[in-house]
């Protein structure tokens, strides 16, 4: 009985009128997109942790003595930002 009351309230609040139905869909899509994007970024960062930013080594890396292990841009951008 409580489930029927909950669904009837949900229907009357969100899905009965076309305008509130459309607004519910739009807000739901915005939240889903944000959560999906952050989840995909977290998975990408986890998979590519410690991976070279470029597969082709630059000629100057041997001169500087770099080990060749670079991380993602967010890990090395502090070296290139103006302070």
PDB file of N, CA and C in Angstrom:
ATOM      1  N   UNK A   1       0.823  -1.195   0.000  1.00  0.00           N
ATOM      2  CA  UNK A   1       0.000   0.000   0.000  1.00  0.00           C
ATOM      3  C   UNK A   1       0.864   1.254   0.000  1.00  0.00           C
ATOM      4  N   UNK A   2       1.978   1.216   0.730  1.00  0.00           N
ATOM      5  CA  UNK A   2       2.842   2.394   0.789  1.00  0.00           C
ATOM      6  C   UNK A   2       3.501   2.668  -0.552  1.00  0.00           C
ATOM      7  N   UNK A   3       3.818   1.605  -1.295  1.00  0.00           N
ATOM      8  CA  UNK A   3       4.442   1.782  -2.607  1.00  0.00           C
ATOM      9  C   UNK A   3       3.473   2.447  -3.573  1.00  0.00           C
ATOM     10  N   UNK A   4       2.212   2.086  -3.484  1.00  0.00           N
ATOM     11  CA  UNK A   4       1.222   2.711  -4.360  1.00  0.00           C
ATOM     12  C   UNK A   4       1.069   4.189  -4.025  1.00  0.00           C
ATOM     13  N   UNK A   5       1.133   4.527  -2.776  1.00  0.00           N
ATOM     14  CA  UNK A   5       1.045   5.926  -2.370  1.00  0.00           C
ATOM     15  C   UNK A   5       2.261   6.701  -2.851  1.00  0.00           C
ATOM     16  N   UNK A   6       3.429   6.093  -2.727  1.00  0.00           N
ATOM     17  CA  UNK A   6       4.653   6.747  -3.175  1.00  0.00           C
ATOM     18  C   UNK A   6       4.641   6.961  -4.683  1.00  0.00           C
ATOM     19  N   UNK A   7       4.223   5.950  -5.416  1.00  0.00           N
ATOM     20  CA  UNK A   7       4.193   6.100  -6.871  1.00  0.00           C
ATOM     21  C   UNK A   7       3.126   7.092  -7.310  1.00  0.00           C
ATOM     22  N   UNK A   8       2.005   7.129  -6.622  1.00  0.00           N
ATOM     23  CA  UNK A   8       0.970   8.101  -6.993  1.00  0.00           C
ATOM     24  C   UNK A   8       1.426   9.527  -6.679  1.00  0.00           C
ATOM     25  N   UNK A   9       2.151   9.711  -5.574  1.00  0.00           N
ATOM     26  CA  UNK A   9       2.703  11.039  -5.261  1.00  0.00           C
ATOM     27  C   UNK A   9       3.753  11.434  -6.296  1.00  0.00           C
ATOM     28  N   UNK A  10       4.616  10.487  -6.641  1.00  0.00           N
ATOM     29  CA  UNK A  10       5.651  10.748  -7.637  1.00  0.00           C
ATOM     30  C   UNK A  10       5.023  11.104  -8.979  1.00  0.00           C
ATOM     31  N   UNK A  11       3.999  10.361  -9.360  1.00  0.00           N
ATOM     32  CA  UNK A  11       3.304  10.652 -10.610  1.00  0.00           C
ATOM     33  C   UNK A  11       2.670  12.033 -10.581  1.00  0.00           C
ATOM     34  N   UNK A  12       1.992  12.359  -9.498  1.00  0.00           N
ATOM     35  CA  UNK A  12       1.293  13.647  -9.444  1.00  0.00           C
ATOM     36  C   UNK A  12       2.264  14.824  -9.360  1.00  0.00           C
ATOM     37  N   UNK A  13       3.446  14.617  -8.744  1.00  0.00           N
ATOM     38  CA  UNK A  13       4.406  15.713  -8.622  1.00  0.00           C
ATOM     39  C   UNK A  13       5.253  15.916  -9.879  1.00  0.00           C
ATOM     40  N   UNK A  14       5.693  14.832 -10.506  1.00  0.00           N
ATOM     41  CA  UNK A  14       6.694  14.954 -11.563  1.00  0.00           C
ATOM     42  C   UNK A  14       6.217  14.612 -12.967  1.00  0.00           C
ATOM     43  N   UNK A  15       5.289  13.687 -13.109  1.00  0.00           N
ATOM     44  CA  UNK A  15       4.987  13.166 -14.439  1.00  0.00           C
ATOM     45  C   UNK A  15       3.593  13.491 -14.961  1.00  0.00           C
ATOM     46  N   UNK A  16       2.757  14.117 -14.183  1.00  0.00           N
ATOM     47  CA  UNK A  16       1.385  14.354 -14.626  1.00  0.00           C
ATOM     48  C   UNK A  16       1.313  15.440 -15.690  1.00  0.00           C
ATOM     49  N   UNK A  17       1.991  16.535 -15.458  1.00  0.00           N
ATOM     50  CA  UNK A  17       1.976  17.633 -16.427  1.00  0.00           C
ATOM     51  C   UNK A  17       3.172  17.501 -17.358  1.00  0.00           C
ATOM     52  N   UNK A  18       3.003  17.890 -18.588  1.00  0.00           N
ATOM     53  CA  UNK A  18       4.071  17.778 -19.583  1.00  0.00           C
ATOM     54  C   UNK A  18       5.253  18.666 -19.229  1.00  0.00           C
ATOM     55  N   UNK A  19       4.985  19.839 -18.703  1.00  0.00           N
ATOM     56  CA  UNK A  19       6.082  20.758 -18.375  1.00  0.00           C
ATOM     57  C   UNK A  19       6.952  20.208 -17.245  1.00  0.00           C
ATOM     58  N   UNK A  20       6.341  19.669 -16.203  1.00  0.00           N
ATOM     59  CA  UNK A  20       7.140  19.105 -15.111  1.00  0.00           C
ATOM     60  C   UNK A  20       7.825  17.811 -15.539  1.00  0.00           C
ATOM     61  N   UNK A  21       7.191  17.051 -16.429  1.00  0.00           N
ATOM     62  CA  UNK A  21       7.818  15.847 -16.959  1.00  0.00           C
ATOM     63  C   UNK A  21       9.073  16.211 -17.751  1.00  0.00           C
ATOM     64  N   UNK A  22       8.968  17.218 -18.614  1.00  0.00           N
ATOM     65  CA  UNK A  22      10.126  17.649 -19.404  1.00  0.00           C
ATOM     66  C   UNK A  22      11.223  18.203 -18.499  1.00  0.00           C
ATOM     67  N   UNK A  23      10.859  18.977 -17.497  1.00  0.00           N
ATOM     68  CA  UNK A  23      11.843  19.521 -16.562  1.00  0.00           C
ATOM     69  C   UNK A  23      12.528  18.404 -15.775  1.00  0.00           C
ATOM     70  N   UNK A  24      11.766  17.395 -15.371  1.00  0.00           N
ATOM     71  CA  UNK A  24      12.347  16.247 -14.667  1.00  0.00           C
ATOM     72  C   UNK A  24      13.356  15.525 -15.548  1.00  0.00           C
ATOM     73  N   UNK A  25      13.027  15.334 -16.808  1.00  0.00           N
ATOM     74  CA  UNK A  25      13.941  14.670 -17.745  1.00  0.00           C
ATOM     75  C   UNK A  25      15.205  15.501 -17.930  1.00  0.00           C
ATOM     76  N   UNK A  26      15.068  16.800 -18.126  1.00  0.00           N
ATOM     77  CA  UNK A  26      16.224  17.675 -18.357  1.00  0.00           C
ATOM     78  C   UNK A  26      17.150  17.688 -17.142  1.00  0.00           C
ATOM     79  N   UNK A  27      16.591  17.839 -15.956  1.00  0.00           N
ATOM     80  CA  UNK A  27      17.411  17.854 -14.737  1.00  0.00           C
ATOM     81  C   UNK A  27      18.070  16.491 -14.522  1.00  0.00           C
ATOM     82  N   UNK A  28      17.334  15.424 -14.772  1.00  0.00           N
ATOM     83  CA  UNK A  28      17.903  14.087 -14.636  1.00  0.00           C
ATOM     84  C   UNK A  28      19.047  13.843 -15.601  1.00  0.00           C
ATOM     85  N   UNK A  29      18.896  14.309 -16.825  1.00  0.00           N
ATOM     86  CA  UNK A  29      19.960  14.156 -17.821  1.00  0.00           C
ATOM     87  C   UNK A  29      21.193  14.950 -17.418  1.00  0.00           C
ATOM     88  N   UNK A  30      21.001  16.143 -16.884  1.00  0.00           N
ATOM     89  CA  UNK A  30      22.149  16.955 -16.472  1.00  0.00           C
ATOM     90  C   UNK A  30      22.916  16.285 -15.335  1.00  0.00           C
ATOM     91  N   UNK A  31      22.215  15.745 -14.347  1.00  0.00           N
ATOM     92  CA  UNK A  31      22.891  15.045 -13.252  1.00  0.00           C
ATOM     93  C   UNK A  31      23.575  13.773 -13.743  1.00  0.00           C
ATOM     94  N   UNK A  32      22.907  13.030 -14.623  1.00  0.00           N
ATOM     95  CA  UNK A  32      23.498  11.807 -15.154  1.00  0.00           C
ATOM     96  C   UNK A  32      24.756  12.117 -15.956  1.00  0.00           C
ATOM     97  N   UNK A  33      24.713  13.162 -16.780  1.00  0.00           N
ATOM     98  CA  UNK A  33      25.875  13.524 -17.595  1.00  0.00           C
ATOM     99  C   UNK A  33      27.055  13.907 -16.727  1.00  0.00           C
ATOM    100  N   UNK A  34      26.799  14.659 -15.688  1.00  0.00           N
ATOM    101  CA  UNK A  34      27.872  15.085 -14.779  1.00  0.00           C
ATOM    102  C   UNK A  34      28.493  13.885 -14.060  1.00  0.00           C
ATOM    103  N   UNK A  35      27.663  13.000 -13.561  1.00  0.00           N
ATOM    104  CA  UNK A  35      28.165  11.817 -12.857  1.00  0.00           C
ATOM    105  C   UNK A  35      28.909  10.884 -13.810  1.00  0.00           C
ATOM    106  N   UNK A  36      28.387  10.695 -15.012  1.00  0.00           N
ATOM    107  CA  UNK A  36      29.037   9.828 -15.995  1.00  0.00           C
ATOM    108  C   UNK A  36      30.380  10.403 -16.415  1.00  0.00           C
ATOM    109  N   UNK A  37      30.449  11.710 -16.628  1.00  0.00           N
ATOM    110  CA  UNK A  37      31.695  12.360 -17.036  1.00  0.00           C
ATOM    111  C   UNK A  37      32.762  12.247 -15.952  1.00  0.00           C
ATOM    112  N   UNK A  38      32.391  12.496 -14.716  1.00  0.00           N
ATOM    113  CA  UNK A  38      33.360  12.376 -13.624  1.00  0.00           C
ATOM    114  C   UNK A  38      33.801  10.931 -13.425  1.00  0.00           C
ATOM    115  N   UNK A  39      32.891   9.993 -13.587  1.00  0.00           N
ATOM    116  CA  UNK A  39      33.255   8.587 -13.476  1.00  0.00           C
ATOM    117  C   UNK A  39      34.206   8.152 -14.581  1.00  0.00           C
ATOM    118  N   UNK A  40      33.944   8.598 -15.811  1.00  0.00           N
ATOM    119  CA  UNK A  40      34.824   8.259 -16.929  1.00  0.00           C
ATOM    120  C   UNK A  40      36.202   8.884 -16.745  1.00  0.00           C
ATOM    121  N   UNK A  41      36.256  10.123 -16.257  1.00  0.00           N
ATOM    122  CA  UNK A  41      37.551  10.763 -15.992  1.00  0.00           C
ATOM    123  C   UNK A  41      38.330  10.018 -14.912  1.00  0.00           C
ATOM    124  N   UNK A  42      37.643   9.570 -13.876  1.00  0.00           N
ATOM    125  CA  UNK A  42      38.319   8.831 -12.804  1.00  0.00           C
ATOM    126  C   UNK A  42      38.875   7.505 -13.316  1.00  0.00           C
ATOM    127  N   UNK A  43      38.116   6.816 -14.152  1.00  0.00           N
ATOM    128  CA  UNK A  43      38.592   5.554 -14.726  1.00  0.00           C
ATOM    129  C   UNK A  43      39.783   5.806 -15.634  1.00  0.00           C
ATOM    130  N   UNK A  44      39.711   6.851 -16.471  1.00  0.00           N
ATOM    131  CA  UNK A  44      40.816   7.181 -17.379  1.00  0.00           C
ATOM    132  C   UNK A  44      42.080   7.521 -16.597  1.00  0.00           C
ATOM    133  N   UNK A  45      41.946   8.324 -15.554  1.00  0.00           N
ATOM    134  CA  UNK A  45      43.111   8.684 -14.738  1.00  0.00           C
ATOM    135  C   UNK A  45      43.710   7.459 -14.052  1.00  0.00           C
ATOM    136  N   UNK A  46      42.867   6.556 -13.592  1.00  0.00           N
ATOM    137  CA  UNK A  46      43.365   5.353 -12.924  1.00  0.00           C
ATOM    138  C   UNK A  46      44.104   4.443 -13.906  1.00  0.00           C
ATOM    139  N   UNK A  47      43.561   4.279 -15.098  1.00  0.00           N
ATOM    140  CA  UNK A  47      44.194   3.411 -16.095  1.00  0.00           C
ATOM    141  C   UNK A  47      45.510   4.005 -16.580  1.00  0.00           C
ATOM    142  N   UNK A  48      45.567   5.324 -16.765  1.00  0.00           N
ATOM    143  CA  UNK A  48      46.738   5.969 -17.345  1.00  0.00           C
ATOM    144  C   UNK A  48      47.686   6.553 -16.310  1.00  0.00           C
ATOM    145  N   UNK A  49      47.598   6.127 -15.085  1.00  0.00           N
ATOM    146  CA  UNK A  49      48.485   6.640 -14.048  1.00  0.00           C
ATOM    147  C   UNK A  49      49.916   6.183 -14.320  1.00  0.00           C
ATOM    148  N   UNK A  50      50.829   7.138 -14.457  1.00  0.00           N
ATOM    149  CA  UNK A  50      52.229   6.829 -14.697  1.00  0.00           C
ATOM    150  C   UNK A  50      52.573   6.529 -16.138  1.00  0.00           C
ATOM    151  N   UNK A  51      51.644   6.707 -17.052  1.00  0.00           N
ATOM    152  CA  UNK A  51      51.890   6.436 -18.467  1.00  0.00           C
ATOM    153  C   UNK A  51      52.485   7.675 -19.113  1.00  0.00           C
ATOM    154  N   UNK A  52      53.357   7.475 -20.085  1.00  0.00           N
ATOM    155  CA  UNK A  52      53.944   8.608 -20.801  1.00  0.00           C
ATOM    156  C   UNK A  52      52.852   9.421 -21.472  1.00  0.00           C
ATOM    157  N   UNK A  53      53.038  10.726 -21.503  1.00  0.00           N
ATOM    158  CA  UNK A  53      52.079  11.599 -22.157  1.00  0.00           C
ATOM    159  C   UNK A  53      52.176  11.464 -23.666  1.00  0.00           C
ATOM    160  N   UNK A  54      53.340  11.096 -24.178  1.00  0.00           N
ATOM    161  CA  UNK A  54      53.551  10.965 -25.611  1.00  0.00           C
ATOM    162  C   UNK A  54      54.320   9.670 -25.855  1.00  0.00           C
ATOM    163  N   UNK A  55      53.889   8.889 -26.826  1.00  0.00           N
ATOM    164  CA  UNK A  55      54.548   7.613 -27.100  1.00  0.00           C
ATOM    165  C   UNK A  55      55.885   7.802 -27.805  1.00  0.00           C
ATOM    166  N   UNK A  56      56.056   8.917 -28.526  1.00  0.00           N
ATOM    167  CA  UNK A  56      57.300   9.174 -29.245  1.00  0.00           C
ATOM    168  C   UNK A  56      58.180  10.060 -28.371  1.00  0.00           C
ATOM    169  N   UNK A  57      59.365   9.605 -27.999  1.00  0.00           N
ATOM    170  CA  UNK A  57      60.218  10.435 -27.139  1.00  0.00           C
ATOM    171  C   UNK A  57      60.773  11.633 -27.900  1.00  0.00           C
ATOM    172  N   UNK A  58      60.816  12.765 -27.231  1.00  0.00           N
ATOM    173  CA  UNK A  58      61.386  13.963 -27.823  1.00  0.00           C
ATOM    174  C   UNK A  58      62.905  13.859 -27.768  1.00  0.00           C
ATOM    175  N   UNK A  59      63.612  14.497 -28.699  1.00  0.00           N
ATOM    176  CA  UNK A  59      65.073  14.390 -28.716  1.00  0.00           C
ATOM    177  C   UNK A  59      65.731  14.969 -27.469  1.00  0.00           C
ATOM    178  N   UNK A  60      65.131  15.983 -26.842  1.00  0.00           N
ATOM    179  CA  UNK A  60      65.778  16.631 -25.701  1.00  0.00           C
ATOM    180  C   UNK A  60      65.627  15.846 -24.405  1.00  0.00           C
ATOM    181  N   UNK A  61      64.799  14.800 -24.376  1.00  0.00           N
ATOM    182  CA  UNK A  61      64.653  14.044 -23.132  1.00  0.00           C
ATOM    183  C   UNK A  61      65.930  13.295 -22.790  1.00  0.00           C
ATOM    184  N   UNK A  62      66.655  12.842 -23.805  1.00  0.00           N
ATOM    185  CA  UNK A  62      67.911  12.147 -23.536  1.00  0.00           C
ATOM    186  C   UNK A  62      68.967  13.115 -23.024  1.00  0.00           C
ATOM    187  N   UNK A  63      68.915  14.353 -23.495  1.00  0.00           N
ATOM    188  CA  UNK A  63      69.901  15.342 -23.059  1.00  0.00           C
ATOM    189  C   UNK A  63      69.676  15.743 -21.601  1.00  0.00           C
ATOM    190  N   UNK A  64      68.425  15.835 -21.199  1.00  0.00           N
ATOM    191  CA  UNK A  64      68.126  16.237 -19.825  1.00  0.00           C
ATOM    192  C   UNK A  64      68.287  15.085 -18.852  1.00  0.00           C
ATOM    193  N   UNK A  65      68.325  13.869 -19.351  1.00  0.00           N
ATOM    194  CA  UNK A  65      68.442  12.719 -18.467  1.00  0.00           C
ATOM    195  C   UNK A  65      67.128  12.301 -17.849  1.00  0.00           C
ATOM    196  N   UNK A  66      66.018  12.648 -18.494  1.00  0.00           N
ATOM    197  CA  UNK A  66      64.715  12.235 -17.969  1.00  0.00           C
ATOM    198  C   UNK A  66      64.563  10.729 -18.092  1.00  0.00           C
ATOM    199  N   UNK A  67      63.838  10.168 -17.191  1.00  0.00           N
ATOM    200  CA  UNK A  67      63.633   8.721 -17.215  1.00  0.00           C
ATOM    201  C   UNK A  67      62.617   8.311 -18.265  1.00  0.00           C
ATOM    202  N   UNK A  68      61.862   9.264 -18.800  1.00  0.00           N
ATOM    203  CA  UNK A  68      60.858   8.939 -19.797  1.00  0.00           C
ATOM    204  C   UNK A  68      59.503   8.609 -19.209  1.00  0.00           C
ATOM    205  N   UNK A  69      59.399   8.559 -17.896  1.00  0.00           N
ATOM    206  CA  UNK A  69      58.114   8.274 -17.275  1.00  0.00           C
ATOM    207  C   UNK A  69      57.450   9.597 -16.952  1.00  0.00           C
ATOM    208  N   UNK A  70      56.450   9.914 -17.723  1.00  0.00           N
ATOM    209  CA  UNK A  70      55.696  11.142 -17.508  1.00  0.00           C
ATOM    210  C   UNK A  70      54.294  10.758 -17.092  1.00  0.00           C
ATOM    211  N   UNK A  71      53.652  11.675 -16.419  1.00  0.00           N
ATOM    212  CA  UNK A  71      52.288  11.430 -15.999  1.00  0.00           C
ATOM    213  C   UNK A  71      51.362  12.277 -16.853  1.00  0.00           C
ATOM    214  N   UNK A  72      50.133  12.326 -16.472  1.00  0.00           N
ATOM    215  CA  UNK A  72      49.163  13.125 -17.193  1.00  0.00           C
ATOM    216  C   UNK A  72      49.459  14.611 -17.007  1.00  0.00           C
ATOM    217  N   UNK A  73      48.841  15.423 -17.839  1.00  0.00           N
ATOM    218  CA  UNK A  73      49.085  16.862 -17.820  1.00  0.00           C
ATOM    219  C   UNK A  73      48.826  17.455 -16.442  1.00  0.00           C
ATOM    220  N   UNK A  74      47.812  16.984 -15.751  1.00  0.00           N
ATOM    221  CA  UNK A  74      47.512  17.554 -14.436  1.00  0.00           C
ATOM    222  C   UNK A  74      48.626  17.283 -13.432  1.00  0.00           C
ATOM    223  N   UNK A  75      49.478  16.284 -13.697  1.00  0.00           N
ATOM    224  CA  UNK A  75      50.580  15.988 -12.793  1.00  0.00           C
ATOM    225  C   UNK A  75      51.825  16.825 -13.072  1.00  0.00           C
ATOM    226  N   UNK A  76      51.973  17.345 -14.294  1.00  0.00           N
ATOM    227  CA  UNK A  76      53.197  18.071 -14.645  1.00  0.00           C
ATOM    228  C   UNK A  76      52.956  19.534 -14.983  1.00  0.00           C
ATOM    229  N   UNK A  77      51.717  20.004 -14.963  1.00  0.00           N
ATOM    230  CA  UNK A  77      51.448  21.370 -15.399  1.00  0.00           C
ATOM    231  C   UNK A  77      52.051  22.414 -14.467  1.00  0.00           C
ATOM    232  N   UNK A  78      52.322  22.074 -13.211  1.00  0.00           N
ATOM    233  CA  UNK A  78      52.918  23.044 -12.292  1.00  0.00           C
ATOM    234  C   UNK A  78      54.319  23.447 -12.747  1.00  0.00           C
ATOM    235  N   UNK A  79      54.976  22.616 -13.536  1.00  0.00           N
ATOM    236  CA  UNK A  79      56.306  22.953 -14.040  1.00  0.00           C
ATOM    237  C   UNK A  79      56.255  24.057 -15.090  1.00  0.00           C
ATOM    238  N   UNK A  80      55.126  24.176 -15.783  1.00  0.00           N
ATOM    239  CA  UNK A  80      55.015  25.084 -16.915  1.00  0.00           C
ATOM    240  C   UNK A  80      54.153  26.307 -16.640  1.00  0.00           C
ATOM    241  N   UNK A  81      53.458  26.349 -15.518  1.00  0.00           N
ATOM    242  CA  UNK A  81      52.610  27.494 -15.205  1.00  0.00           C
ATOM    243  C   UNK A  81      53.450  28.662 -14.711  1.00  0.00           C
ATOM    244  N   UNK A  82      53.024  29.852 -15.084  1.00  0.00           N
ATOM    245  CA  UNK A  82      53.684  31.066 -14.584  1.00  0.00           C
ATOM    246  C   UNK A  82      53.170  31.361 -13.187  1.00  0.00           C
ATOM    247  N   UNK A  83      54.099  31.684 -12.319  1.00  0.00           N
ATOM    248  CA  UNK A  83      53.684  31.963 -10.937  1.00  0.00           C
ATOM    249  C   UNK A  83      53.634  33.439 -10.666  1.00  0.00           C
TER     250      UNK A  83
END
